[in-house]
Amino acid sequence: MTRRSRSRLEPAEWYSIRPTRSLKPATYTCPICGYRLHAMSDHVLIAPEGDMSRRRHAHRECVAAANLPGRPAGRGLLSRLLGRS
C-alpha cells in the first residue's frame, strides 16, 4: 500500500456505514488511515449523518478500529407518522 497525505474524516454526530465492492478500476484514499484502497476490494462506504453526497470509501478494518458512532436509536418512521411514543 502506498501512503499519501493523510486525509481527514469529516466530523459528524453519527455515520451511515455499509459494505461495498465495485467492478470499477478505481483507487480511493481511506479517510482514516490515509492509505489507498482499490474499488474492487471489499471495503465500506461511510456517510456522515447519512448524507450520501459526503460519502467516503474506507477500509473495513479502519472503520472497525475507529469505532465510529452509528445511526442513533430512536423511534421508527412509522411511529413518528402515527404519533406514537
N, C-alpha and C. Protein backbone atom coordinates (compact mmCIF):
# COMPACT_ATOMS: atom_id res chain seq x y z
N MET A 1 0.84 -1.18 0.00
CA MET A 1 0.00 0.00 0.00
C MET A 1 0.88 1.24 0.00
N THR A 2 0.42 2.24 -0.64
CA THR A 2 1.16 3.50 -0.70
C THR A 2 0.45 4.52 0.16
N ARG A 3 1.21 5.17 1.00
CA ARG A 3 0.63 6.18 1.88
C ARG A 3 0.71 7.53 1.19
N ARG A 4 -0.36 8.23 1.24
CA ARG A 4 -0.41 9.60 0.72
C ARG A 4 -0.63 10.51 1.89
N SER A 5 -0.76 11.79 1.60
CA SER A 5 -1.04 12.71 2.70
C SER A 5 -2.33 12.26 3.39
N ARG A 6 -2.31 12.25 4.67
CA ARG A 6 -3.44 11.75 5.45
C ARG A 6 -4.66 12.63 5.24
N SER A 7 -5.71 12.05 4.73
CA SER A 7 -6.95 12.80 4.59
C SER A 7 -7.68 12.71 5.92
N ARG A 8 -8.65 13.50 6.09
CA ARG A 8 -9.35 13.56 7.36
C ARG A 8 -10.79 13.12 7.21
N LEU A 9 -11.25 12.49 8.24
CA LEU A 9 -12.64 12.08 8.28
C LEU A 9 -13.47 13.26 8.78
N GLU A 10 -14.49 13.59 8.04
CA GLU A 10 -15.34 14.71 8.40
C GLU A 10 -16.04 14.43 9.73
N PRO A 11 -15.94 15.34 10.72
CA PRO A 11 -16.61 15.10 12.00
C PRO A 11 -18.13 15.10 11.84
N ALA A 12 -18.77 14.20 12.55
CA ALA A 12 -20.23 14.10 12.50
C ALA A 12 -20.74 13.46 13.78
N GLU A 13 -22.02 13.66 14.05
CA GLU A 13 -22.65 13.06 15.23
C GLU A 13 -22.76 11.54 15.07
N TRP A 14 -23.02 11.09 13.83
CA TRP A 14 -23.14 9.66 13.54
C TRP A 14 -22.83 9.41 12.07
N TYR A 15 -22.58 8.15 11.74
CA TYR A 15 -22.22 7.77 10.37
C TYR A 15 -23.06 6.60 9.90
N SER A 16 -23.47 6.66 8.65
CA SER A 16 -24.08 5.52 7.98
C SER A 16 -22.92 4.71 7.41
N ILE A 17 -22.90 3.41 7.68
CA ILE A 17 -21.80 2.56 7.24
C ILE A 17 -22.38 1.37 6.49
N ARG A 18 -21.92 1.15 5.25
CA ARG A 18 -22.42 -0.01 4.51
C ARG A 18 -21.30 -0.63 3.70
N PRO A 19 -21.27 -1.96 3.62
CA PRO A 19 -20.23 -2.65 2.86
C PRO A 19 -20.44 -2.45 1.36
N THR A 20 -19.35 -2.45 0.62
CA THR A 20 -19.45 -2.28 -0.82
C THR A 20 -18.25 -2.92 -1.52
N ARG A 21 -18.40 -3.10 -2.79
CA ARG A 21 -17.33 -3.56 -3.69
C ARG A 21 -17.77 -3.13 -5.08
N SER A 22 -16.84 -2.73 -5.90
CA SER A 22 -17.16 -2.24 -7.22
C SER A 22 -16.35 -2.98 -8.27
N LEU A 23 -16.82 -2.99 -9.49
CA LEU A 23 -16.06 -3.54 -10.61
C LEU A 23 -15.30 -2.43 -11.33
N LYS A 24 -15.44 -1.22 -10.83
CA LYS A 24 -14.78 -0.07 -11.42
C LYS A 24 -13.28 -0.09 -11.07
N PRO A 25 -12.40 0.07 -12.05
CA PRO A 25 -10.97 0.07 -11.76
C PRO A 25 -10.53 1.42 -11.20
N ALA A 26 -10.93 1.72 -9.99
CA ALA A 26 -10.60 3.00 -9.36
C ALA A 26 -9.84 2.76 -8.07
N THR A 27 -9.19 3.81 -7.60
CA THR A 27 -8.47 3.76 -6.34
C THR A 27 -8.94 4.94 -5.49
N TYR A 28 -9.18 4.69 -4.21
CA TYR A 28 -9.62 5.72 -3.28
C TYR A 28 -8.61 5.84 -2.15
N THR A 29 -8.66 6.92 -1.41
CA THR A 29 -7.82 7.10 -0.23
C THR A 29 -8.70 6.97 0.99
N CYS A 30 -8.33 6.10 1.89
CA CYS A 30 -9.09 5.91 3.13
C CYS A 30 -8.98 7.17 3.98
N PRO A 31 -10.09 7.75 4.41
CA PRO A 31 -10.04 8.98 5.20
C PRO A 31 -9.53 8.76 6.63
N ILE A 32 -9.40 7.52 7.05
CA ILE A 32 -8.97 7.23 8.41
C ILE A 32 -7.47 7.00 8.49
N CYS A 33 -6.93 6.14 7.61
CA CYS A 33 -5.51 5.81 7.68
C CYS A 33 -4.66 6.55 6.64
N GLY A 34 -5.28 7.03 5.58
CA GLY A 34 -4.55 7.73 4.53
C GLY A 34 -3.96 6.82 3.47
N TYR A 35 -4.10 5.49 3.62
CA TYR A 35 -3.62 4.55 2.61
C TYR A 35 -4.65 4.42 1.49
N ARG A 36 -4.16 3.99 0.33
CA ARG A 36 -5.07 3.80 -0.80
C ARG A 36 -5.79 2.47 -0.69
N LEU A 37 -6.98 2.41 -1.30
CA LEU A 37 -7.70 1.15 -1.40
C LEU A 37 -8.29 1.06 -2.79
N HIS A 38 -8.39 -0.15 -3.29
CA HIS A 38 -8.92 -0.38 -4.64
C HIS A 38 -10.42 -0.63 -4.57
N ALA A 39 -11.14 -0.08 -5.51
CA ALA A 39 -12.60 -0.21 -5.54
C ALA A 39 -13.03 -1.67 -5.64
N MET A 40 -12.21 -2.52 -6.24
CA MET A 40 -12.59 -3.92 -6.42
C MET A 40 -12.38 -4.75 -5.15
N SER A 41 -11.78 -4.18 -4.13
CA SER A 41 -11.60 -4.90 -2.86
C SER A 41 -12.83 -4.68 -1.97
N ASP A 42 -13.00 -5.57 -1.00
CA ASP A 42 -14.08 -5.37 -0.04
C ASP A 42 -13.73 -4.17 0.83
N HIS A 43 -14.63 -3.21 0.92
CA HIS A 43 -14.44 -2.04 1.75
C HIS A 43 -15.80 -1.51 2.16
N VAL A 44 -15.87 -0.37 2.81
CA VAL A 44 -17.15 0.19 3.23
C VAL A 44 -17.28 1.63 2.76
N LEU A 45 -18.54 2.05 2.64
CA LEU A 45 -18.86 3.45 2.39
C LEU A 45 -19.32 4.03 3.71
N ILE A 46 -18.75 5.15 4.08
CA ILE A 46 -19.21 5.83 5.29
C ILE A 46 -19.75 7.18 4.88
N ALA A 47 -20.89 7.54 5.44
CA ALA A 47 -21.54 8.80 5.11
C ALA A 47 -21.86 9.54 6.40
N PRO A 48 -21.27 10.72 6.61
CA PRO A 48 -21.56 11.48 7.80
C PRO A 48 -23.05 11.82 7.88
N GLU A 49 -23.67 11.42 8.99
CA GLU A 49 -25.08 11.69 9.26
C GLU A 49 -25.98 11.23 8.12
N GLY A 50 -25.57 10.16 7.43
CA GLY A 50 -26.40 9.58 6.38
C GLY A 50 -26.44 10.36 5.08
N ASP A 51 -25.66 11.42 4.95
CA ASP A 51 -25.65 12.25 3.74
C ASP A 51 -24.75 11.61 2.70
N MET A 52 -25.33 10.88 1.76
CA MET A 52 -24.56 10.14 0.77
C MET A 52 -23.78 11.05 -0.18
N SER A 53 -24.10 12.32 -0.25
CA SER A 53 -23.31 13.22 -1.09
C SER A 53 -21.94 13.48 -0.47
N ARG A 54 -21.78 13.18 0.82
CA ARG A 54 -20.49 13.35 1.51
C ARG A 54 -19.83 12.01 1.82
N ARG A 55 -20.23 10.95 1.11
CA ARG A 55 -19.73 9.61 1.41
C ARG A 55 -18.24 9.49 1.09
N ARG A 56 -17.60 8.58 1.81
CA ARG A 56 -16.18 8.30 1.62
C ARG A 56 -15.97 6.80 1.63
N HIS A 57 -15.01 6.33 0.87
CA HIS A 57 -14.64 4.91 0.84
C HIS A 57 -13.55 4.69 1.88
N ALA A 58 -13.68 3.63 2.67
CA ALA A 58 -12.70 3.36 3.73
C ALA A 58 -12.48 1.86 3.88
N HIS A 59 -11.31 1.50 4.44
CA HIS A 59 -11.03 0.09 4.74
C HIS A 59 -11.96 -0.38 5.84
N ARG A 60 -12.43 -1.62 5.75
CA ARG A 60 -13.28 -2.19 6.81
C ARG A 60 -12.57 -2.17 8.15
N GLU A 61 -11.29 -2.55 8.14
CA GLU A 61 -10.53 -2.64 9.37
C GLU A 61 -10.37 -1.27 10.03
N CYS A 62 -10.17 -0.24 9.22
CA CYS A 62 -10.02 1.12 9.76
C CYS A 62 -11.30 1.59 10.43
N VAL A 63 -12.42 1.33 9.78
CA VAL A 63 -13.71 1.75 10.33
C VAL A 63 -14.00 1.00 11.63
N ALA A 64 -13.68 -0.30 11.66
CA ALA A 64 -13.90 -1.09 12.87
C ALA A 64 -13.03 -0.57 14.01
N ALA A 65 -11.77 -0.25 13.72
CA ALA A 65 -10.86 0.25 14.75
C ALA A 65 -11.24 1.65 15.22
N ALA A 66 -11.80 2.47 14.32
CA ALA A 66 -12.18 3.83 14.68
C ALA A 66 -13.41 3.87 15.57
N ASN A 67 -14.20 2.78 15.55
CA ASN A 67 -15.40 2.69 16.38
C ASN A 67 -16.30 3.92 16.19
N LEU A 68 -16.65 4.19 14.95
CA LEU A 68 -17.48 5.36 14.62
C LEU A 68 -18.89 5.19 15.17
N PRO A 69 -19.50 6.27 15.64
CA PRO A 69 -20.88 6.17 16.14
C PRO A 69 -21.84 5.88 14.99
N GLY A 70 -22.72 4.91 15.18
CA GLY A 70 -23.70 4.55 14.16
C GLY A 70 -24.95 5.41 14.27
N ARG A 71 -25.89 5.09 13.43
CA ARG A 71 -27.16 5.81 13.40
C ARG A 71 -27.80 5.78 14.79
N PRO A 72 -28.26 6.93 15.28
CA PRO A 72 -28.84 6.96 16.63
C PRO A 72 -30.13 6.15 16.72
N ALA A 73 -30.30 5.49 17.83
CA ALA A 73 -31.54 4.73 18.05
C ALA A 73 -32.66 5.74 18.36
N GLY A 74 -33.77 5.48 17.85
CA GLY A 74 -34.90 6.38 18.08
C GLY A 74 -36.17 5.75 17.56
N ARG A 75 -37.21 6.49 17.65
CA ARG A 75 -38.48 5.97 17.15
C ARG A 75 -38.39 5.78 15.64
N GLY A 76 -39.00 4.75 15.15
CA GLY A 76 -39.03 4.48 13.72
C GLY A 76 -39.94 5.44 12.98
N LEU A 77 -39.83 5.47 11.68
CA LEU A 77 -40.61 6.38 10.85
C LEU A 77 -42.11 6.14 11.03
N LEU A 78 -42.53 4.89 11.06
CA LEU A 78 -43.95 4.59 11.19
C LEU A 78 -44.50 5.13 12.52
N SER A 79 -43.73 4.99 13.59
CA SER A 79 -44.17 5.50 14.90
C SER A 79 -44.30 7.03 14.85
N ARG A 80 -43.36 7.68 14.19
CA ARG A 80 -43.44 9.13 14.11
C ARG A 80 -44.64 9.58 13.28
N LEU A 81 -44.90 8.86 12.19
CA LEU A 81 -46.04 9.23 11.34
C LEU A 81 -47.37 9.02 12.06
N LEU A 82 -47.43 7.98 12.88
CA LEU A 82 -48.66 7.67 13.61
C LEU A 82 -48.77 8.41 14.94
N GLY A 83 -47.73 9.15 15.29
CA GLY A 83 -47.76 9.93 16.53
C GLY A 83 -47.61 9.10 17.78
N ARG A 84 -47.02 7.93 17.67
CA ARG A 84 -46.82 7.07 18.85
C ARG A 84 -45.48 7.39 19.50
N SER A 85 -45.38 7.09 20.79
CA SER A 85 -44.12 7.32 21.52
C SER A 85 -43.19 6.18 21.39
